[in-house]
N, C-alpha and C. Protein backbone atom coordinates (compact mmCIF):
# COMPACT_ATOMS: atom_id res chain seq x y z
N UNK A 1 -39.66 4.09 8.63
CA UNK A 1 -40.84 3.80 7.81
C UNK A 1 -42.08 4.08 8.64
N UNK A 2 -43.09 4.59 8.02
CA UNK A 2 -44.33 4.91 8.71
C UNK A 2 -45.08 3.64 9.06
N UNK A 3 -45.65 3.60 10.27
CA UNK A 3 -46.43 2.43 10.68
C UNK A 3 -47.67 2.24 9.82
N UNK A 4 -48.10 3.29 9.14
CA UNK A 4 -49.28 3.18 8.27
C UNK A 4 -49.03 2.20 7.13
N UNK A 5 -47.76 1.95 6.80
CA UNK A 5 -47.43 1.04 5.70
C UNK A 5 -46.93 -0.32 6.19
N UNK A 6 -46.88 -0.51 7.49
CA UNK A 6 -46.41 -1.78 8.05
C UNK A 6 -47.51 -2.83 7.99
N UNK A 7 -47.11 -4.08 7.76
CA UNK A 7 -48.05 -5.20 7.76
C UNK A 7 -48.11 -5.76 9.18
N UNK A 8 -49.31 -5.85 9.76
CA UNK A 8 -49.40 -6.40 11.12
C UNK A 8 -48.91 -7.86 11.15
N UNK A 9 -48.09 -8.18 12.13
CA UNK A 9 -47.55 -9.53 12.28
C UNK A 9 -47.71 -9.98 13.72
N UNK A 10 -47.78 -11.30 13.90
CA UNK A 10 -47.75 -11.87 15.24
C UNK A 10 -46.53 -12.79 15.29
N UNK A 11 -45.95 -12.91 16.46
CA UNK A 11 -44.73 -13.71 16.62
C UNK A 11 -45.08 -15.08 17.18
N UNK A 12 -44.43 -16.10 16.64
CA UNK A 12 -44.61 -17.48 17.08
C UNK A 12 -43.23 -18.05 17.39
N UNK A 13 -43.10 -18.68 18.55
CA UNK A 13 -41.84 -19.32 18.93
C UNK A 13 -41.63 -20.59 18.11
N UNK A 14 -40.39 -20.80 17.69
CA UNK A 14 -40.04 -21.99 16.91
C UNK A 14 -38.61 -22.39 17.23
N UNK A 15 -38.33 -23.67 17.09
CA UNK A 15 -36.96 -24.16 17.09
C UNK A 15 -36.61 -24.36 15.63
N UNK A 16 -35.51 -23.78 15.19
CA UNK A 16 -35.13 -23.79 13.79
C UNK A 16 -33.80 -24.53 13.64
N UNK A 17 -33.77 -25.57 12.80
CA UNK A 17 -32.55 -26.33 12.52
C UNK A 17 -32.09 -25.97 11.13
N UNK A 18 -30.93 -25.34 11.04
CA UNK A 18 -30.34 -24.99 9.75
C UNK A 18 -29.24 -25.98 9.42
N UNK A 19 -28.92 -26.10 8.14
CA UNK A 19 -27.85 -26.99 7.70
C UNK A 19 -26.57 -26.71 8.47
N UNK A 20 -25.93 -27.75 8.96
CA UNK A 20 -24.63 -27.68 9.63
C UNK A 20 -24.65 -26.84 10.91
N UNK A 21 -25.82 -26.67 11.53
CA UNK A 21 -25.93 -25.91 12.77
C UNK A 21 -26.82 -26.65 13.75
N UNK A 22 -26.67 -26.33 15.02
CA UNK A 22 -27.54 -26.87 16.06
C UNK A 22 -28.88 -26.14 16.01
N UNK A 23 -29.98 -26.78 16.44
CA UNK A 23 -31.27 -26.08 16.50
C UNK A 23 -31.17 -24.84 17.38
N UNK A 24 -31.91 -23.82 17.00
CA UNK A 24 -31.89 -22.55 17.73
C UNK A 24 -33.31 -22.04 17.88
N UNK A 25 -33.60 -21.47 19.05
CA UNK A 25 -34.90 -20.85 19.28
C UNK A 25 -34.96 -19.52 18.54
N UNK A 26 -36.07 -19.30 17.83
CA UNK A 26 -36.30 -18.05 17.10
C UNK A 26 -37.76 -17.66 17.22
N UNK A 27 -38.06 -16.47 16.79
CA UNK A 27 -39.44 -16.02 16.64
C UNK A 27 -39.72 -15.86 15.15
N UNK A 28 -40.77 -16.53 14.68
CA UNK A 28 -41.25 -16.36 13.31
C UNK A 28 -42.29 -15.24 13.33
N UNK A 29 -42.36 -14.47 12.26
CA UNK A 29 -43.31 -13.36 12.21
C UNK A 29 -44.33 -13.64 11.11
N UNK A 30 -45.59 -13.83 11.54
CA UNK A 30 -46.65 -14.29 10.66
C UNK A 30 -47.72 -13.22 10.49
N UNK A 31 -48.27 -13.14 9.28
CA UNK A 31 -49.31 -12.17 8.97
C UNK A 31 -50.65 -12.59 9.57
N UNK A 32 -51.52 -11.62 9.77
CA UNK A 32 -52.85 -11.90 10.29
C UNK A 32 -53.72 -12.65 9.28
N UNK A 33 -53.39 -12.51 8.00
CA UNK A 33 -54.15 -13.19 6.94
C UNK A 33 -53.19 -13.94 6.03
N UNK A 34 -53.54 -15.18 5.74
CA UNK A 34 -52.72 -16.01 4.86
C UNK A 34 -53.03 -15.72 3.41
N UNK A 35 -52.06 -15.91 2.54
CA UNK A 35 -52.25 -15.70 1.11
C UNK A 35 -52.90 -16.91 0.44
N UNK A 36 -52.70 -18.13 1.00
CA UNK A 36 -53.15 -19.35 0.32
C UNK A 36 -54.41 -19.97 0.88
N UNK A 37 -54.92 -19.47 1.99
CA UNK A 37 -56.14 -20.02 2.60
C UNK A 37 -56.75 -18.94 3.48
N UNK A 38 -57.98 -19.19 3.94
CA UNK A 38 -58.59 -18.25 4.86
C UNK A 38 -57.96 -18.42 6.24
N UNK A 39 -57.99 -17.37 7.01
CA UNK A 39 -57.43 -17.43 8.35
C UNK A 39 -56.02 -16.85 8.40
N UNK A 40 -55.40 -16.96 9.58
CA UNK A 40 -54.07 -16.39 9.76
C UNK A 40 -52.99 -17.19 9.04
N UNK A 41 -51.87 -16.53 8.74
CA UNK A 41 -50.72 -17.21 8.18
C UNK A 41 -50.16 -18.19 9.21
N UNK A 42 -49.79 -19.37 8.75
CA UNK A 42 -49.23 -20.42 9.60
C UNK A 42 -47.73 -20.51 9.37
N UNK A 43 -46.99 -21.11 10.29
CA UNK A 43 -45.56 -21.31 10.05
C UNK A 43 -45.28 -22.02 8.72
N UNK A 44 -46.09 -23.02 8.36
CA UNK A 44 -45.88 -23.72 7.09
C UNK A 44 -46.09 -22.79 5.90
N UNK A 45 -47.01 -21.83 6.01
CA UNK A 45 -47.21 -20.86 4.93
C UNK A 45 -45.95 -20.03 4.74
N UNK A 46 -45.37 -19.59 5.85
CA UNK A 46 -44.14 -18.80 5.78
C UNK A 46 -43.01 -19.59 5.13
N UNK A 47 -42.82 -20.84 5.55
CA UNK A 47 -41.73 -21.66 5.02
C UNK A 47 -41.94 -22.04 3.56
N UNK A 48 -43.18 -22.26 3.16
CA UNK A 48 -43.48 -22.69 1.80
C UNK A 48 -43.74 -21.52 0.84
N UNK A 49 -43.60 -20.30 1.31
CA UNK A 49 -43.86 -19.13 0.48
C UNK A 49 -42.79 -18.96 -0.59
N UNK A 50 -43.11 -18.14 -1.57
CA UNK A 50 -42.12 -17.77 -2.58
C UNK A 50 -41.07 -16.88 -1.95
N UNK A 51 -39.98 -16.73 -2.61
CA UNK A 51 -38.90 -15.89 -2.11
C UNK A 51 -37.82 -16.75 -1.49
N UNK A 52 -36.65 -16.20 -1.42
CA UNK A 52 -35.49 -16.94 -0.95
C UNK A 52 -35.26 -16.79 0.55
N UNK A 53 -35.51 -15.61 1.11
CA UNK A 53 -35.22 -15.33 2.50
C UNK A 53 -36.47 -14.95 3.27
N UNK A 54 -36.45 -15.20 4.59
CA UNK A 54 -37.50 -14.72 5.48
C UNK A 54 -36.84 -14.28 6.79
N UNK A 55 -37.44 -13.28 7.46
CA UNK A 55 -36.83 -12.78 8.70
C UNK A 55 -37.25 -13.60 9.91
N UNK A 56 -36.33 -13.72 10.87
CA UNK A 56 -36.61 -14.27 12.19
C UNK A 56 -35.97 -13.32 13.20
N UNK A 57 -36.45 -13.39 14.42
CA UNK A 57 -35.87 -12.61 15.50
C UNK A 57 -35.39 -13.57 16.57
N UNK A 58 -34.22 -13.30 17.13
CA UNK A 58 -33.73 -14.10 18.23
C UNK A 58 -34.42 -13.64 19.50
N UNK A 59 -34.89 -14.59 20.33
CA UNK A 59 -35.56 -14.20 21.57
C UNK A 59 -34.62 -13.40 22.47
N UNK A 60 -35.21 -12.54 23.25
CA UNK A 60 -34.43 -11.76 24.21
C UNK A 60 -33.85 -10.49 23.61
N UNK A 61 -32.79 -10.63 22.83
CA UNK A 61 -32.09 -9.46 22.30
C UNK A 61 -32.79 -8.79 21.13
N UNK A 62 -33.66 -9.50 20.45
CA UNK A 62 -34.38 -8.92 19.33
C UNK A 62 -33.56 -8.79 18.06
N UNK A 63 -32.40 -9.48 18.00
CA UNK A 63 -31.58 -9.43 16.80
C UNK A 63 -32.33 -10.08 15.63
N UNK A 64 -32.38 -9.38 14.49
CA UNK A 64 -33.07 -9.87 13.31
C UNK A 64 -32.06 -10.56 12.40
N UNK A 65 -32.47 -11.71 11.89
CA UNK A 65 -31.67 -12.44 10.90
C UNK A 65 -32.56 -12.78 9.72
N UNK A 66 -31.95 -12.86 8.55
CA UNK A 66 -32.67 -13.28 7.35
C UNK A 66 -32.19 -14.68 6.99
N UNK A 67 -33.12 -15.62 6.99
CA UNK A 67 -32.80 -17.04 6.83
C UNK A 67 -33.12 -17.48 5.40
N UNK A 68 -32.20 -18.21 4.79
CA UNK A 68 -32.40 -18.78 3.46
C UNK A 68 -33.29 -20.01 3.61
N UNK A 69 -34.44 -20.03 2.91
CA UNK A 69 -35.38 -21.15 3.05
C UNK A 69 -34.73 -22.50 2.76
N UNK A 70 -33.86 -22.53 1.78
CA UNK A 70 -33.22 -23.79 1.41
C UNK A 70 -32.28 -24.35 2.46
N UNK A 71 -31.85 -23.51 3.41
CA UNK A 71 -30.93 -23.97 4.45
C UNK A 71 -31.67 -24.49 5.69
N UNK A 72 -32.99 -24.36 5.71
CA UNK A 72 -33.78 -24.83 6.85
C UNK A 72 -34.00 -26.34 6.71
N UNK A 73 -33.49 -27.11 7.67
CA UNK A 73 -33.72 -28.56 7.68
C UNK A 73 -35.11 -28.83 8.23
N UNK A 74 -35.44 -28.19 9.34
CA UNK A 74 -36.78 -28.27 9.92
C UNK A 74 -37.02 -27.09 10.84
N UNK A 75 -38.30 -26.83 11.07
CA UNK A 75 -38.74 -25.83 12.05
C UNK A 75 -39.80 -26.52 12.89
N UNK A 76 -39.67 -26.41 14.21
CA UNK A 76 -40.62 -27.07 15.10
C UNK A 76 -41.39 -26.01 15.88
N UNK A 77 -42.73 -26.15 15.88
CA UNK A 77 -43.62 -25.21 16.56
C UNK A 77 -44.66 -25.99 17.37
N UNK A 78 -45.34 -25.30 18.25
CA UNK A 78 -46.46 -25.91 18.96
C UNK A 78 -47.53 -26.27 17.93
N UNK A 79 -48.18 -27.41 18.11
CA UNK A 79 -49.21 -27.85 17.16
C UNK A 79 -50.31 -26.81 17.01
N UNK A 80 -50.68 -26.14 18.09
CA UNK A 80 -51.74 -25.13 18.03
C UNK A 80 -51.37 -23.98 17.12
N UNK A 81 -50.08 -23.66 17.00
CA UNK A 81 -49.66 -22.58 16.11
C UNK A 81 -49.74 -22.98 14.64
N UNK A 82 -49.62 -24.26 14.35
CA UNK A 82 -49.65 -24.74 12.96
C UNK A 82 -51.03 -25.21 12.54
N UNK A 83 -51.86 -25.65 13.44
CA UNK A 83 -53.17 -26.18 13.08
C UNK A 83 -54.27 -25.14 13.21
N UNK A 84 -53.90 -23.87 13.21
CA UNK A 84 -54.88 -22.81 13.43
C UNK A 84 -55.70 -22.41 12.24
N UNK A 85 -55.45 -22.98 11.07
CA UNK A 85 -56.19 -22.58 9.88
C UNK A 85 -57.59 -23.18 9.88
N UNK A 86 -58.52 -22.48 9.24
CA UNK A 86 -59.85 -23.05 9.06
C UNK A 86 -59.71 -24.31 8.22
N UNK A 87 -60.49 -25.31 8.53
CA UNK A 87 -60.41 -26.56 7.79
C UNK A 87 -59.40 -27.52 8.37
N UNK A 88 -58.82 -27.20 9.52
CA UNK A 88 -57.97 -28.15 10.21
C UNK A 88 -56.49 -27.99 9.97
N UNK A 89 -56.07 -27.06 9.16
CA UNK A 89 -54.65 -26.87 8.95
C UNK A 89 -54.04 -28.02 8.17
N UNK A 90 -52.73 -28.10 8.13
CA UNK A 90 -52.06 -29.09 7.30
C UNK A 90 -52.18 -30.51 7.80
N UNK A 91 -52.36 -30.71 9.10
CA UNK A 91 -52.59 -32.06 9.61
C UNK A 91 -54.09 -32.27 9.69
N UNK A 92 -54.54 -33.29 9.02
CA UNK A 92 -55.97 -33.55 8.95
C UNK A 92 -56.46 -34.12 10.27
N UNK A 93 -57.58 -33.63 10.73
CA UNK A 93 -58.14 -34.13 11.98
C UNK A 93 -58.50 -35.60 11.89
N UNK A 94 -58.46 -36.34 13.00
CA UNK A 94 -58.70 -37.78 12.97
C UNK A 94 -60.13 -38.14 12.58
N UNK A 95 -61.06 -37.21 12.66
CA UNK A 95 -62.44 -37.52 12.29
C UNK A 95 -62.65 -37.51 10.78
N UNK A 96 -61.69 -37.04 10.01
CA UNK A 96 -61.82 -36.97 8.55
C UNK A 96 -61.78 -38.39 7.99
N UNK A 97 -62.86 -38.85 7.34
CA UNK A 97 -62.89 -40.22 6.83
C UNK A 97 -61.92 -40.46 5.68
N UNK A 98 -61.47 -39.40 5.03
CA UNK A 98 -60.54 -39.56 3.91
C UNK A 98 -59.07 -39.44 4.34
N UNK A 99 -58.82 -39.27 5.62
CA UNK A 99 -57.44 -39.08 6.10
C UNK A 99 -56.68 -40.39 6.07
N UNK A 100 -55.43 -40.29 5.65
CA UNK A 100 -54.50 -41.41 5.76
C UNK A 100 -53.44 -41.00 6.77
N UNK A 101 -52.82 -41.97 7.42
CA UNK A 101 -51.84 -41.66 8.45
C UNK A 101 -50.74 -42.69 8.40
N UNK A 102 -49.51 -42.25 8.66
CA UNK A 102 -48.37 -43.16 8.74
C UNK A 102 -47.43 -42.70 9.84
N UNK A 103 -46.97 -43.66 10.63
CA UNK A 103 -45.90 -43.39 11.59
C UNK A 103 -44.59 -43.60 10.84
N UNK A 104 -43.69 -42.63 10.96
CA UNK A 104 -42.47 -42.68 10.17
C UNK A 104 -41.25 -42.30 11.01
N UNK A 105 -40.10 -42.69 10.52
CA UNK A 105 -38.82 -42.23 11.02
C UNK A 105 -38.15 -41.53 9.85
N UNK A 106 -37.82 -40.25 10.04
CA UNK A 106 -37.19 -39.46 8.98
C UNK A 106 -35.70 -39.39 9.27
N UNK A 107 -34.90 -39.80 8.28
CA UNK A 107 -33.45 -39.73 8.37
C UNK A 107 -32.99 -38.57 7.48
N UNK A 108 -32.26 -37.63 8.09
CA UNK A 108 -31.81 -36.45 7.37
C UNK A 108 -30.42 -36.64 6.81
N UNK A 109 -30.07 -35.85 5.81
CA UNK A 109 -28.76 -35.93 5.17
C UNK A 109 -27.62 -35.67 6.15
N UNK A 110 -27.88 -34.89 7.21
CA UNK A 110 -26.82 -34.58 8.18
C UNK A 110 -26.65 -35.67 9.24
N UNK A 111 -27.41 -36.78 9.13
CA UNK A 111 -27.30 -37.89 10.06
C UNK A 111 -28.30 -37.84 11.20
N UNK A 112 -29.00 -36.74 11.38
CA UNK A 112 -30.00 -36.66 12.44
C UNK A 112 -31.26 -37.39 12.00
N UNK A 113 -32.18 -37.56 12.94
CA UNK A 113 -33.42 -38.28 12.65
C UNK A 113 -34.56 -37.70 13.48
N UNK A 114 -35.77 -37.98 13.04
CA UNK A 114 -36.97 -37.54 13.76
C UNK A 114 -38.07 -38.55 13.52
N UNK A 115 -38.79 -38.90 14.59
CA UNK A 115 -39.92 -39.82 14.48
C UNK A 115 -41.21 -39.05 14.70
N UNK A 116 -42.27 -39.50 14.04
CA UNK A 116 -43.56 -38.85 14.22
C UNK A 116 -44.59 -39.42 13.28
N UNK A 117 -45.71 -38.70 13.15
CA UNK A 117 -46.81 -39.13 12.29
C UNK A 117 -47.05 -38.10 11.20
N UNK A 118 -47.36 -38.62 10.03
CA UNK A 118 -47.78 -37.79 8.91
C UNK A 118 -49.23 -38.15 8.61
N UNK A 119 -50.10 -37.14 8.51
CA UNK A 119 -51.50 -37.35 8.13
C UNK A 119 -51.80 -36.48 6.92
N UNK A 120 -52.60 -37.01 5.99
CA UNK A 120 -52.88 -36.26 4.76
C UNK A 120 -54.17 -36.73 4.12
N UNK A 121 -54.67 -35.92 3.23
CA UNK A 121 -55.77 -36.30 2.34
C UNK A 121 -55.37 -35.98 0.92
N UNK A 122 -55.70 -36.87 0.03
CA UNK A 122 -55.47 -36.68 -1.40
C UNK A 122 -56.64 -37.33 -2.13
N UNK A 123 -56.82 -37.01 -3.40
CA UNK A 123 -57.92 -37.61 -4.16
C UNK A 123 -57.78 -39.13 -4.28
N UNK A 124 -58.90 -39.79 -4.48
CA UNK A 124 -58.93 -41.24 -4.67
C UNK A 124 -57.92 -41.64 -5.74
N UNK A 125 -57.21 -42.72 -5.51
CA UNK A 125 -56.22 -43.21 -6.47
C UNK A 125 -54.83 -42.61 -6.27
N UNK A 126 -54.72 -41.59 -5.40
CA UNK A 126 -53.43 -40.97 -5.14
C UNK A 126 -53.26 -40.74 -3.63
N UNK A 127 -53.58 -41.76 -2.86
CA UNK A 127 -53.57 -41.62 -1.40
C UNK A 127 -52.40 -42.31 -0.71
N UNK A 128 -51.41 -42.71 -1.47
CA UNK A 128 -50.25 -43.35 -0.86
C UNK A 128 -49.35 -42.28 -0.21
N UNK A 129 -48.55 -42.70 0.76
CA UNK A 129 -47.60 -41.79 1.38
C UNK A 129 -46.66 -41.21 0.33
N UNK A 130 -46.23 -42.02 -0.58
CA UNK A 130 -45.34 -41.52 -1.64
C UNK A 130 -46.01 -40.42 -2.45
N UNK A 131 -47.29 -40.58 -2.75
CA UNK A 131 -48.02 -39.54 -3.48
C UNK A 131 -48.00 -38.23 -2.71
N UNK A 132 -48.22 -38.32 -1.39
CA UNK A 132 -48.20 -37.12 -0.55
C UNK A 132 -46.82 -36.48 -0.55
N UNK A 133 -45.79 -37.28 -0.36
CA UNK A 133 -44.43 -36.74 -0.30
C UNK A 133 -44.00 -36.13 -1.62
N UNK A 134 -44.43 -36.72 -2.73
CA UNK A 134 -44.09 -36.16 -4.04
C UNK A 134 -44.89 -34.91 -4.37
N UNK A 135 -46.10 -34.80 -3.82
CA UNK A 135 -46.97 -33.67 -4.15
C UNK A 135 -46.87 -32.54 -3.14
N UNK A 136 -46.25 -32.80 -2.01
CA UNK A 136 -46.24 -31.82 -0.92
C UNK A 136 -45.41 -30.60 -1.27
N UNK A 137 -45.69 -29.52 -0.55
CA UNK A 137 -44.84 -28.34 -0.61
C UNK A 137 -43.44 -28.73 -0.16
N UNK A 138 -42.52 -27.80 -0.24
CA UNK A 138 -41.14 -28.09 0.20
C UNK A 138 -41.13 -28.59 1.64
N UNK A 139 -41.94 -28.01 2.52
CA UNK A 139 -42.00 -28.42 3.92
C UNK A 139 -43.28 -29.19 4.19
N UNK A 140 -43.16 -30.34 4.82
CA UNK A 140 -44.34 -31.12 5.19
C UNK A 140 -44.37 -31.29 6.70
N UNK A 141 -45.58 -31.41 7.28
CA UNK A 141 -45.70 -31.51 8.74
C UNK A 141 -45.50 -32.94 9.25
N UNK A 142 -44.71 -33.05 10.31
CA UNK A 142 -44.47 -34.30 11.01
C UNK A 142 -44.94 -34.09 12.44
N UNK A 143 -46.03 -34.75 12.82
CA UNK A 143 -46.57 -34.60 14.16
C UNK A 143 -45.70 -35.31 15.17
N UNK A 144 -45.31 -34.61 16.23
CA UNK A 144 -44.47 -35.18 17.28
C UNK A 144 -45.10 -34.89 18.64
N UNK A 145 -46.32 -35.34 18.85
CA UNK A 145 -47.03 -35.08 20.10
C UNK A 145 -47.69 -33.71 20.06
N UNK A 146 -47.33 -32.86 21.01
CA UNK A 146 -47.95 -31.54 21.08
C UNK A 146 -47.24 -30.54 20.16
N UNK A 147 -46.26 -31.01 19.40
CA UNK A 147 -45.51 -30.13 18.51
C UNK A 147 -45.56 -30.67 17.08
N UNK A 148 -45.30 -29.79 16.15
CA UNK A 148 -45.22 -30.18 14.75
C UNK A 148 -43.87 -29.73 14.21
N UNK A 149 -43.19 -30.67 13.59
CA UNK A 149 -41.91 -30.36 12.95
C UNK A 149 -42.18 -30.23 11.46
N UNK A 150 -41.91 -29.05 10.92
CA UNK A 150 -42.08 -28.80 9.49
C UNK A 150 -40.76 -29.16 8.82
N UNK A 151 -40.78 -30.25 8.06
CA UNK A 151 -39.58 -30.89 7.52
C UNK A 151 -39.36 -30.46 6.08
N UNK A 152 -38.15 -30.03 5.78
CA UNK A 152 -37.76 -29.69 4.41
C UNK A 152 -37.45 -30.99 3.69
N UNK A 153 -38.29 -31.38 2.76
CA UNK A 153 -38.11 -32.67 2.10
C UNK A 153 -36.82 -32.73 1.28
N UNK A 154 -36.25 -31.56 0.95
CA UNK A 154 -34.99 -31.55 0.21
C UNK A 154 -33.80 -31.92 1.10
N UNK A 155 -34.00 -31.97 2.42
CA UNK A 155 -32.94 -32.34 3.36
C UNK A 155 -33.11 -33.76 3.87
N UNK A 156 -34.08 -34.50 3.36
CA UNK A 156 -34.38 -35.86 3.81
C UNK A 156 -33.64 -36.87 2.94
N UNK A 157 -32.99 -37.83 3.60
CA UNK A 157 -32.34 -38.94 2.88
C UNK A 157 -33.30 -40.10 2.71
N UNK A 158 -33.95 -40.51 3.83
CA UNK A 158 -34.80 -41.69 3.82
C UNK A 158 -35.97 -41.47 4.78
N UNK A 159 -37.12 -41.99 4.42
CA UNK A 159 -38.26 -42.05 5.33
C UNK A 159 -38.63 -43.51 5.49
N UNK A 160 -38.54 -44.00 6.74
CA UNK A 160 -38.86 -45.39 7.06
C UNK A 160 -40.25 -45.45 7.67
N UNK A 161 -41.04 -46.43 7.28
CA UNK A 161 -42.34 -46.66 7.90
C UNK A 161 -42.13 -47.41 9.19
N UNK A 162 -42.99 -47.12 10.14
CA UNK A 162 -42.88 -47.87 11.39
C UNK A 162 -43.31 -47.08 12.50
């Protein structure tokens, strides 16, 4: 294929947990411009996009795999890679007066778990955590220090506050 028709992409390192598999290091390939907001495409944009499959590359060997979005339990990236969008990205900055925050423990259907923080903004009257979880895209961000785990809510059994 001619490079004149190729879409420029940048690679972002991620740990990807698929159903019934151990987490694996991969490279996600993101566009320079996002379809849903201004700025570059974020890992959450890729995971929440339409379509059934997306490509990843294995580090080192460059082997390409096509991953079924529904089989992704979570993808973990550096926070800087996910919060790069104008307007603060999916995790709302702490200075936002309308931000709500909850520390949670996420229990997955496969028995694994992850602890972290969820921050969000929603209109007045719909600012509960449940409102966010019900309204969120398939993948929601769980802050885990300097990293963000993008969690597939369809793979979650229980979310505990605490």
